[in-house]
Every structure is written in C-alpha cells, then in structure tokens.
Amino acid sequence: MKINRIEEILKSYMSAGRDKLIPILQEVQEAEGFLSRESVELTGRHLGLPASKIFGVATFYNQFRFEPMGKFHIQICRGTACHVKGSAPLLDSLVKELDVEPGRTTKDGLFSLEVVACIGACGLAPVIAVNGEFHARLECDQIPVIIDSYRKKGL
C-alpha cells in the first residue's frame, strides 16, 4: 500500500491548515492514483478535519477520483461541438458496452469512464480518448469495435 508515500506528503505540510486541503489531495491522488478511504482518513487526522468534510470537498471537484482508474481510461467529450455532433448517444453506447457509469471503473479493472467538458479536438467531433489515443468522428456502431480492440490488448 502507498500509505508511507501519503505520510511523506503529509509531513511536507506539517503546519498546514484546511487552506492546504486541495493541494494535499492533489498530491495524494497523484501518488496513489485515486483517493482511498485510508488516504482521506490520514489527511483528516493530519489537518484535524473529519473525513466526511474531506469527502465533501473532494466530491465537489470532478478532478478527484475515489477508485483506481482502469487499465484503459476512456474520456468522452461532452463539449459543445461534440454534443452537437452526437456525443450523448455515444456516452449511452459506452455505458451499455462497458456496463459502467461515468466516473466508475469496470469490475474487471480494464476500463474507467470519464465525461470531460472539452477534450480540445472540436474539429474531430465527436471524440473519445483512450489513454490519450483519440478516436474521432465516431458513431455508436463503432463503440463495440473500439472496446473489443482494447479488451484484446488488455488480456
């Protein structure tokens, strides 16, 4: 477990108050890959805050995750261009194909699904990125093919 690394991070914030909560959570997530219950509890003890308060702050910001990302992290753009070009049905197709809701990871740990406000590829809309690899101008019938190709890579 990465508890030792989390304790190192917290030591670098020895006299920190609640004003340092976000930077601490960012560093912990960077080290751990997500915010575990243990890391939230350690952070709470360090700052003198209840874990519920820390969860409340962390859930407000969509940058924080509470479970590990999958081997293949899928980001689907829901920005204006992608929305106009049909990203809502693509999201539905991804949810159905993966059997996972946005913000979650599949039971087998292969895929995590994240909705992003803009992926920066408006001219290629609608777009998904899998571990940073873009798939552009998508249609719903392409989703199972893309997912299957990553499943084969993940075996």
N, C-alpha and C. Protein backbone atom coordinates (compact mmCIF):
# COMPACT_ATOMS: atom_id res chain seq x y z
N MET A 1 0.84 -1.19 0.00
CA MET A 1 0.00 0.00 0.00
C MET A 1 0.88 1.25 0.00
N LYS A 2 0.35 2.34 -0.43
CA LYS A 2 1.12 3.56 -0.58
C LYS A 2 0.99 4.49 0.62
N ILE A 3 0.64 3.93 1.77
CA ILE A 3 0.45 4.75 2.97
C ILE A 3 1.73 5.50 3.32
N ASN A 4 2.89 4.86 3.20
CA ASN A 4 4.15 5.54 3.51
C ASN A 4 4.33 6.78 2.65
N ARG A 5 4.00 6.68 1.37
CA ARG A 5 4.11 7.84 0.47
C ARG A 5 3.14 8.94 0.90
N ILE A 6 1.94 8.57 1.32
CA ILE A 6 0.96 9.55 1.77
C ILE A 6 1.46 10.24 3.04
N GLU A 7 2.02 9.47 3.94
CA GLU A 7 2.58 10.06 5.16
C GLU A 7 3.71 11.03 4.84
N GLU A 8 4.52 10.71 3.82
CA GLU A 8 5.58 11.64 3.38
C GLU A 8 4.99 12.95 2.87
N ILE A 9 3.93 12.84 2.10
CA ILE A 9 3.26 14.04 1.58
C ILE A 9 2.74 14.88 2.74
N LEU A 10 2.08 14.23 3.67
CA LEU A 10 1.52 14.96 4.81
C LEU A 10 2.60 15.63 5.66
N LYS A 11 3.75 14.98 5.79
CA LYS A 11 4.87 15.58 6.54
C LYS A 11 5.36 16.86 5.89
N SER A 12 5.23 16.94 4.57
CA SER A 12 5.66 18.17 3.89
C SER A 12 4.68 19.33 4.13
N TYR A 13 3.57 19.03 4.78
CA TYR A 13 2.57 20.04 5.14
C TYR A 13 2.39 20.03 6.66
N MET A 14 3.49 20.08 7.40
CA MET A 14 3.45 19.91 8.85
C MET A 14 2.53 20.89 9.57
N SER A 15 2.58 22.14 9.24
CA SER A 15 1.74 23.10 9.96
C SER A 15 0.58 23.58 9.10
N ALA A 16 0.16 22.74 8.18
CA ALA A 16 -0.90 23.13 7.24
C ALA A 16 -2.26 23.17 7.94
N GLY A 17 -3.10 24.03 7.39
CA GLY A 17 -4.49 24.11 7.82
C GLY A 17 -5.38 23.69 6.68
N ARG A 18 -6.66 23.92 6.87
CA ARG A 18 -7.62 23.49 5.85
C ARG A 18 -7.39 24.18 4.50
N ASP A 19 -6.69 25.31 4.50
CA ASP A 19 -6.41 26.01 3.24
C ASP A 19 -5.50 25.20 2.32
N LYS A 20 -4.83 24.19 2.85
CA LYS A 20 -3.93 23.34 2.04
C LYS A 20 -4.59 22.02 1.64
N LEU A 21 -5.89 21.87 1.94
CA LEU A 21 -6.57 20.60 1.66
C LEU A 21 -6.50 20.21 0.19
N ILE A 22 -6.83 21.12 -0.71
CA ILE A 22 -6.84 20.79 -2.15
C ILE A 22 -5.45 20.39 -2.64
N PRO A 23 -4.40 21.17 -2.36
CA PRO A 23 -3.07 20.72 -2.81
C PRO A 23 -2.66 19.37 -2.21
N ILE A 24 -3.03 19.13 -0.96
CA ILE A 24 -2.70 17.84 -0.36
C ILE A 24 -3.43 16.72 -1.10
N LEU A 25 -4.72 16.90 -1.33
CA LEU A 25 -5.49 15.87 -2.04
C LEU A 25 -4.95 15.64 -3.45
N GLN A 26 -4.53 16.71 -4.11
CA GLN A 26 -3.95 16.56 -5.45
C GLN A 26 -2.68 15.72 -5.40
N GLU A 27 -1.82 15.99 -4.44
CA GLU A 27 -0.58 15.22 -4.32
C GLU A 27 -0.85 13.77 -3.95
N VAL A 28 -1.78 13.56 -3.04
CA VAL A 28 -2.12 12.20 -2.63
C VAL A 28 -2.67 11.42 -3.82
N GLN A 29 -3.56 12.04 -4.57
CA GLN A 29 -4.12 11.36 -5.74
C GLN A 29 -3.04 11.06 -6.77
N GLU A 30 -2.12 11.97 -6.95
CA GLU A 30 -1.01 11.75 -7.88
C GLU A 30 -0.19 10.53 -7.44
N ALA A 31 0.05 10.41 -6.15
CA ALA A 31 0.85 9.30 -5.62
C ALA A 31 0.09 7.98 -5.65
N GLU A 32 -1.19 8.03 -5.32
CA GLU A 32 -1.99 6.82 -5.14
C GLU A 32 -2.78 6.43 -6.38
N GLY A 33 -3.04 7.41 -7.24
CA GLY A 33 -3.87 7.16 -8.42
C GLY A 33 -5.33 7.48 -8.20
N PHE A 34 -5.72 7.62 -6.95
CA PHE A 34 -7.09 7.96 -6.57
C PHE A 34 -7.05 8.30 -5.08
N LEU A 35 -8.18 8.69 -4.53
CA LEU A 35 -8.24 8.99 -3.10
C LEU A 35 -8.92 7.81 -2.40
N SER A 36 -8.13 7.02 -1.71
CA SER A 36 -8.68 5.88 -0.97
C SER A 36 -9.27 6.37 0.35
N ARG A 37 -10.08 5.52 0.94
CA ARG A 37 -10.66 5.82 2.27
C ARG A 37 -9.52 6.07 3.26
N GLU A 38 -8.47 5.23 3.19
CA GLU A 38 -7.35 5.36 4.11
C GLU A 38 -6.65 6.71 3.95
N SER A 39 -6.45 7.13 2.70
CA SER A 39 -5.76 8.40 2.48
C SER A 39 -6.60 9.57 2.96
N VAL A 40 -7.90 9.50 2.78
CA VAL A 40 -8.79 10.56 3.26
C VAL A 40 -8.75 10.62 4.79
N GLU A 41 -8.77 9.45 5.43
CA GLU A 41 -8.72 9.42 6.90
C GLU A 41 -7.40 9.96 7.42
N LEU A 42 -6.28 9.56 6.79
CA LEU A 42 -4.97 10.08 7.21
C LEU A 42 -4.90 11.59 7.04
N THR A 43 -5.41 12.08 5.92
CA THR A 43 -5.41 13.53 5.66
C THR A 43 -6.27 14.25 6.70
N GLY A 44 -7.41 13.67 7.02
CA GLY A 44 -8.29 14.27 8.03
C GLY A 44 -7.63 14.35 9.39
N ARG A 45 -6.97 13.28 9.79
CA ARG A 45 -6.27 13.30 11.09
C ARG A 45 -5.17 14.35 11.07
N HIS A 46 -4.45 14.44 9.96
CA HIS A 46 -3.35 15.39 9.86
C HIS A 46 -3.84 16.84 9.96
N LEU A 47 -4.97 17.13 9.33
CA LEU A 47 -5.48 18.50 9.31
C LEU A 47 -6.48 18.79 10.43
N GLY A 48 -6.83 17.75 11.19
CA GLY A 48 -7.82 17.95 12.24
C GLY A 48 -9.22 18.15 11.70
N LEU A 49 -9.51 17.49 10.59
CA LEU A 49 -10.83 17.60 9.96
C LEU A 49 -11.47 16.22 9.89
N PRO A 50 -12.79 16.16 10.03
CA PRO A 50 -13.44 14.85 9.87
C PRO A 50 -13.37 14.38 8.41
N ALA A 51 -13.28 13.08 8.24
CA ALA A 51 -13.21 12.51 6.89
C ALA A 51 -14.42 12.93 6.05
N SER A 52 -15.57 13.08 6.70
CA SER A 52 -16.77 13.48 5.97
C SER A 52 -16.60 14.86 5.33
N LYS A 53 -15.91 15.75 6.01
CA LYS A 53 -15.65 17.09 5.47
C LYS A 53 -14.72 17.00 4.26
N ILE A 54 -13.72 16.13 4.35
CA ILE A 54 -12.78 15.97 3.24
C ILE A 54 -13.48 15.34 2.05
N PHE A 55 -14.29 14.31 2.29
CA PHE A 55 -15.06 13.72 1.19
C PHE A 55 -15.98 14.77 0.56
N GLY A 56 -16.59 15.60 1.39
CA GLY A 56 -17.47 16.65 0.88
C GLY A 56 -16.75 17.61 -0.06
N VAL A 57 -15.55 18.02 0.33
CA VAL A 57 -14.77 18.92 -0.52
C VAL A 57 -14.33 18.18 -1.79
N ALA A 58 -13.82 16.97 -1.64
CA ALA A 58 -13.28 16.22 -2.79
C ALA A 58 -14.37 15.86 -3.80
N THR A 59 -15.58 15.57 -3.32
CA THR A 59 -16.65 15.23 -4.26
C THR A 59 -17.17 16.46 -5.00
N PHE A 60 -16.91 17.64 -4.47
CA PHE A 60 -17.32 18.86 -5.16
C PHE A 60 -16.53 19.07 -6.45
N TYR A 61 -15.28 18.66 -6.45
CA TYR A 61 -14.40 18.85 -7.60
C TYR A 61 -14.31 17.57 -8.41
N ASN A 62 -14.56 17.67 -9.72
CA ASN A 62 -14.55 16.45 -10.53
C ASN A 62 -13.16 15.95 -10.86
N GLN A 63 -12.13 16.63 -10.40
CA GLN A 63 -10.76 16.16 -10.64
C GLN A 63 -10.39 15.00 -9.74
N PHE A 64 -11.15 14.80 -8.66
CA PHE A 64 -10.80 13.75 -7.71
C PHE A 64 -11.57 12.46 -7.99
N ARG A 65 -10.85 11.33 -7.84
CA ARG A 65 -11.44 10.01 -8.04
C ARG A 65 -11.35 9.23 -6.73
N PHE A 66 -12.30 8.33 -6.53
CA PHE A 66 -12.34 7.54 -5.30
C PHE A 66 -12.15 6.05 -5.55
N GLU A 67 -11.80 5.72 -6.76
CA GLU A 67 -11.44 4.34 -7.07
C GLU A 67 -10.37 4.37 -8.15
N PRO A 68 -9.57 3.32 -8.24
CA PRO A 68 -8.48 3.32 -9.22
C PRO A 68 -9.02 3.40 -10.65
N MET A 69 -8.24 4.01 -11.51
CA MET A 69 -8.60 4.04 -12.92
C MET A 69 -8.34 2.67 -13.53
N GLY A 70 -9.07 2.37 -14.58
CA GLY A 70 -8.86 1.13 -15.29
C GLY A 70 -7.57 1.16 -16.09
N LYS A 71 -7.19 0.01 -16.57
CA LYS A 71 -6.01 -0.07 -17.43
C LYS A 71 -6.19 0.83 -18.64
N PHE A 72 -7.43 0.92 -19.13
CA PHE A 72 -7.77 1.79 -20.25
C PHE A 72 -8.75 2.85 -19.75
N HIS A 73 -8.26 4.07 -19.67
CA HIS A 73 -9.07 5.19 -19.18
C HIS A 73 -9.71 5.89 -20.38
N ILE A 74 -11.02 5.82 -20.44
CA ILE A 74 -11.77 6.41 -21.55
C ILE A 74 -12.34 7.76 -21.12
N GLN A 75 -12.03 8.77 -21.91
CA GLN A 75 -12.62 10.09 -21.70
C GLN A 75 -13.52 10.37 -22.89
N ILE A 76 -14.74 10.75 -22.60
CA ILE A 76 -15.66 11.14 -23.67
C ILE A 76 -15.95 12.62 -23.53
N CYS A 77 -15.79 13.31 -24.64
CA CYS A 77 -16.00 14.75 -24.66
C CYS A 77 -17.49 15.06 -24.74
N ARG A 78 -17.93 15.99 -23.89
CA ARG A 78 -19.32 16.45 -23.93
C ARG A 78 -19.36 17.95 -24.17
N GLY A 79 -18.28 18.49 -24.74
CA GLY A 79 -18.25 19.90 -25.10
C GLY A 79 -19.28 20.22 -26.18
N THR A 80 -19.42 21.48 -26.49
CA THR A 80 -20.46 21.92 -27.42
C THR A 80 -20.36 21.23 -28.78
N ALA A 81 -19.19 21.23 -29.40
CA ALA A 81 -19.06 20.62 -30.73
C ALA A 81 -19.38 19.13 -30.67
N CYS A 82 -18.86 18.44 -29.67
CA CYS A 82 -19.13 17.00 -29.55
C CYS A 82 -20.60 16.74 -29.25
N HIS A 83 -21.19 17.59 -28.42
CA HIS A 83 -22.62 17.44 -28.12
C HIS A 83 -23.45 17.58 -29.39
N VAL A 84 -23.17 18.63 -30.15
CA VAL A 84 -23.93 18.88 -31.39
C VAL A 84 -23.76 17.72 -32.37
N LYS A 85 -22.57 17.12 -32.37
CA LYS A 85 -22.27 16.03 -33.31
C LYS A 85 -22.66 14.64 -32.78
N GLY A 86 -23.26 14.59 -31.59
CA GLY A 86 -23.82 13.32 -31.14
C GLY A 86 -23.08 12.58 -30.04
N SER A 87 -22.43 13.28 -29.12
CA SER A 87 -21.71 12.56 -28.06
C SER A 87 -22.64 11.96 -27.00
N ALA A 88 -23.87 12.47 -26.86
CA ALA A 88 -24.78 11.90 -25.86
C ALA A 88 -25.11 10.44 -26.19
N PRO A 89 -25.49 10.10 -27.42
CA PRO A 89 -25.71 8.69 -27.73
C PRO A 89 -24.43 7.85 -27.63
N LEU A 90 -23.28 8.47 -27.91
CA LEU A 90 -22.01 7.74 -27.75
C LEU A 90 -21.78 7.39 -26.28
N LEU A 91 -22.08 8.31 -25.41
CA LEU A 91 -21.94 8.05 -23.98
C LEU A 91 -22.86 6.90 -23.57
N ASP A 92 -24.10 6.93 -24.05
CA ASP A 92 -25.03 5.84 -23.76
C ASP A 92 -24.48 4.50 -24.26
N SER A 93 -23.88 4.50 -25.45
CA SER A 93 -23.29 3.28 -26.00
C SER A 93 -22.13 2.79 -25.15
N LEU A 94 -21.29 3.70 -24.67
CA LEU A 94 -20.17 3.33 -23.81
C LEU A 94 -20.67 2.73 -22.50
N VAL A 95 -21.65 3.36 -21.90
CA VAL A 95 -22.21 2.88 -20.64
C VAL A 95 -22.77 1.47 -20.83
N LYS A 96 -23.48 1.27 -21.91
CA LYS A 96 -24.07 -0.04 -22.20
C LYS A 96 -22.98 -1.08 -22.49
N GLU A 97 -22.03 -0.73 -23.33
CA GLU A 97 -20.97 -1.68 -23.72
C GLU A 97 -20.08 -2.07 -22.55
N LEU A 98 -19.79 -1.11 -21.69
CA LEU A 98 -18.88 -1.36 -20.57
C LEU A 98 -19.60 -1.81 -19.30
N ASP A 99 -20.91 -1.57 -19.25
CA ASP A 99 -21.71 -1.84 -18.06
C ASP A 99 -21.12 -1.10 -16.86
N VAL A 100 -20.87 0.19 -17.08
CA VAL A 100 -20.31 1.02 -16.02
C VAL A 100 -20.80 2.46 -16.21
N GLU A 101 -21.02 3.15 -15.11
CA GLU A 101 -21.44 4.54 -15.16
C GLU A 101 -20.22 5.45 -15.24
N PRO A 102 -20.39 6.66 -15.78
CA PRO A 102 -19.28 7.62 -15.80
C PRO A 102 -18.73 7.85 -14.39
N GLY A 103 -17.41 7.96 -14.32
CA GLY A 103 -16.76 8.16 -13.04
C GLY A 103 -16.42 6.86 -12.33
N ARG A 104 -16.74 5.74 -12.97
CA ARG A 104 -16.51 4.44 -12.35
C ARG A 104 -15.56 3.59 -13.19
N THR A 105 -15.14 2.48 -12.62
CA THR A 105 -14.24 1.54 -13.27
C THR A 105 -14.96 0.20 -13.38
N THR A 106 -14.76 -0.50 -14.50
CA THR A 106 -15.40 -1.80 -14.68
C THR A 106 -14.91 -2.78 -13.62
N LYS A 107 -15.74 -3.78 -13.33
CA LYS A 107 -15.41 -4.75 -12.29
C LYS A 107 -14.10 -5.47 -12.55
N ASP A 108 -13.76 -5.68 -13.83
CA ASP A 108 -12.52 -6.37 -14.15
C ASP A 108 -11.30 -5.45 -14.11
N GLY A 109 -11.53 -4.16 -13.87
CA GLY A 109 -10.44 -3.20 -13.77
C GLY A 109 -9.85 -2.78 -15.10
N LEU A 110 -10.45 -3.21 -16.21
CA LEU A 110 -9.89 -2.87 -17.53
C LEU A 110 -10.21 -1.45 -17.96
N PHE A 111 -11.43 -0.99 -17.70
CA PHE A 111 -11.88 0.30 -18.22
C PHE A 111 -12.40 1.21 -17.13
N SER A 112 -12.05 2.48 -17.25
CA SER A 112 -12.71 3.51 -16.46
C SER A 112 -13.28 4.52 -17.46
N LEU A 113 -14.38 5.13 -17.07
CA LEU A 113 -15.09 6.03 -17.97
C LEU A 113 -15.22 7.40 -17.30
N GLU A 114 -14.82 8.43 -18.03
CA GLU A 114 -14.88 9.79 -17.51
C GLU A 114 -15.50 10.70 -18.57
N VAL A 115 -16.43 11.52 -18.14
CA VAL A 115 -17.02 12.55 -19.00
C VAL A 115 -16.21 13.81 -18.79
N VAL A 116 -15.74 14.42 -19.88
CA VAL A 116 -14.98 15.67 -19.78
C VAL A 116 -15.72 16.77 -20.53
N ALA A 117 -15.54 18.00 -20.06
CA ALA A 117 -16.24 19.14 -20.64
C ALA A 117 -15.73 19.47 -22.04
N CYS A 118 -14.44 19.33 -22.26
CA CYS A 118 -13.86 19.55 -23.59
C CYS A 118 -12.52 18.84 -23.65
N ILE A 119 -12.30 18.15 -24.74
CA ILE A 119 -11.06 17.39 -24.90
C ILE A 119 -10.09 18.12 -25.82
N GLY A 120 -10.56 19.23 -26.41
CA GLY A 120 -9.69 20.06 -27.23
C GLY A 120 -9.52 19.58 -28.66
N ALA A 121 -10.49 18.83 -29.15
CA ALA A 121 -10.42 18.33 -30.53
C ALA A 121 -11.75 18.58 -31.23
N CYS A 122 -12.22 19.80 -31.13
CA CYS A 122 -13.56 20.16 -31.63
C CYS A 122 -13.75 19.86 -33.11
N GLY A 123 -12.71 20.02 -33.89
CA GLY A 123 -12.81 19.76 -35.32
C GLY A 123 -12.96 18.29 -35.67
N LEU A 124 -12.76 17.42 -34.68
CA LEU A 124 -12.85 15.98 -34.89
C LEU A 124 -14.09 15.37 -34.23
N ALA A 125 -15.00 16.21 -33.78
CA ALA A 125 -16.15 15.79 -33.00
C ALA A 125 -17.04 14.79 -33.74
N PRO A 126 -17.65 13.89 -32.95
CA PRO A 126 -17.48 13.63 -31.53
C PRO A 126 -16.25 12.75 -31.29
N VAL A 127 -15.64 12.94 -30.12
CA VAL A 127 -14.34 12.33 -29.83
C VAL A 127 -14.36 11.61 -28.48
N ILE A 128 -13.65 10.47 -28.44
CA ILE A 128 -13.27 9.87 -27.17
C ILE A 128 -11.75 9.71 -27.20
N ALA A 129 -11.16 9.65 -26.02
CA ALA A 129 -9.73 9.37 -25.90
C ALA A 129 -9.59 8.17 -24.97
N VAL A 130 -8.76 7.22 -25.38
CA VAL A 130 -8.47 6.06 -24.54
C VAL A 130 -6.97 6.13 -24.23
N ASN A 131 -6.67 6.38 -22.97
CA ASN A 131 -5.28 6.58 -22.54
C ASN A 131 -4.58 7.60 -23.44
N GLY A 132 -5.31 8.63 -23.83
CA GLY A 132 -4.74 9.71 -24.64
C GLY A 132 -4.79 9.47 -26.13
N GLU A 133 -5.20 8.29 -26.57
CA GLU A 133 -5.32 8.00 -28.01
C GLU A 133 -6.72 8.40 -28.47
N PHE A 134 -6.77 9.32 -29.43
CA PHE A 134 -8.05 9.86 -29.87
C PHE A 134 -8.73 8.95 -30.89
N HIS A 135 -10.05 8.88 -30.75
CA HIS A 135 -10.91 8.20 -31.73
C HIS A 135 -11.93 9.27 -32.14
N ALA A 136 -11.89 9.65 -33.41
CA ALA A 136 -12.62 10.84 -33.86
C ALA A 136 -13.77 10.50 -34.80
N ARG A 137 -14.67 11.49 -34.89
CA ARG A 137 -15.84 11.40 -35.78
C ARG A 137 -16.57 10.07 -35.60
N LEU A 138 -16.84 9.76 -34.35
CA LEU A 138 -17.39 8.46 -34.00
C LEU A 138 -18.89 8.36 -34.22
N GLU A 139 -19.30 7.15 -34.45
CA GLU A 139 -20.72 6.80 -34.48
C GLU A 139 -20.91 5.64 -33.51
N CYS A 140 -22.13 5.47 -33.03
CA CYS A 140 -22.40 4.48 -31.99
C CYS A 140 -21.97 3.06 -32.37
N ASP A 141 -22.12 2.70 -33.63
CA ASP A 141 -21.78 1.33 -34.01
C ASP A 141 -20.27 1.06 -33.95
N GLN A 142 -19.45 2.09 -33.82
CA GLN A 142 -18.01 1.92 -33.70
C GLN A 142 -17.56 1.61 -32.27
N ILE A 143 -18.39 1.94 -31.30
CA ILE A 143 -18.02 1.77 -29.89
C ILE A 143 -17.68 0.31 -29.55
N PRO A 144 -18.53 -0.68 -29.90
CA PRO A 144 -18.18 -2.06 -29.56
C PRO A 144 -16.87 -2.52 -30.20
N VAL A 145 -16.59 -2.06 -31.40
CA VAL A 145 -15.36 -2.44 -32.10
C VAL A 145 -14.14 -1.87 -31.37
N ILE A 146 -14.24 -0.60 -30.98
CA ILE A 146 -13.14 0.04 -30.25
C ILE A 146 -12.91 -0.64 -28.91
N ILE A 147 -13.98 -0.88 -28.17
CA ILE A 147 -13.86 -1.51 -26.87
C ILE A 147 -13.28 -2.92 -26.99
N ASP A 148 -13.74 -3.67 -27.98
CA ASP A 148 -13.20 -5.03 -28.19
C ASP A 148 -11.71 -4.99 -28.49
N SER A 149 -11.26 -4.00 -29.27
CA SER A 149 -9.83 -3.92 -29.59
C SER A 149 -9.01 -3.70 -28.32
N TYR A 150 -9.52 -2.90 -27.40
CA TYR A 150 -8.79 -2.68 -26.14
C TYR A 150 -8.90 -3.89 -25.22
N ARG A 151 -10.03 -4.56 -25.25
CA ARG A 151 -10.17 -5.80 -24.44
C ARG A 151 -9.08 -6.80 -24.86
N LYS A 152 -8.88 -6.94 -26.16
CA LYS A 152 -7.86 -7.88 -26.66
C LYS A 152 -6.47 -7.45 -26.21
N LYS A 153 -6.20 -6.14 -26.19
CA LYS A 153 -4.91 -5.65 -25.73
C LYS A 153 -4.72 -5.88 -24.23
N GLY A 154 -5.83 -5.88 -23.51
CA GLY A 154 -5.77 -5.99 -22.06
C GLY A 154 -5.60 -7.40 -21.54
N LEU A 155 -5.74 -8.37 -22.42
CA LEU A 155 -5.65 -9.78 -21.98
C LEU A 155 -4.24 -10.23 -21.70
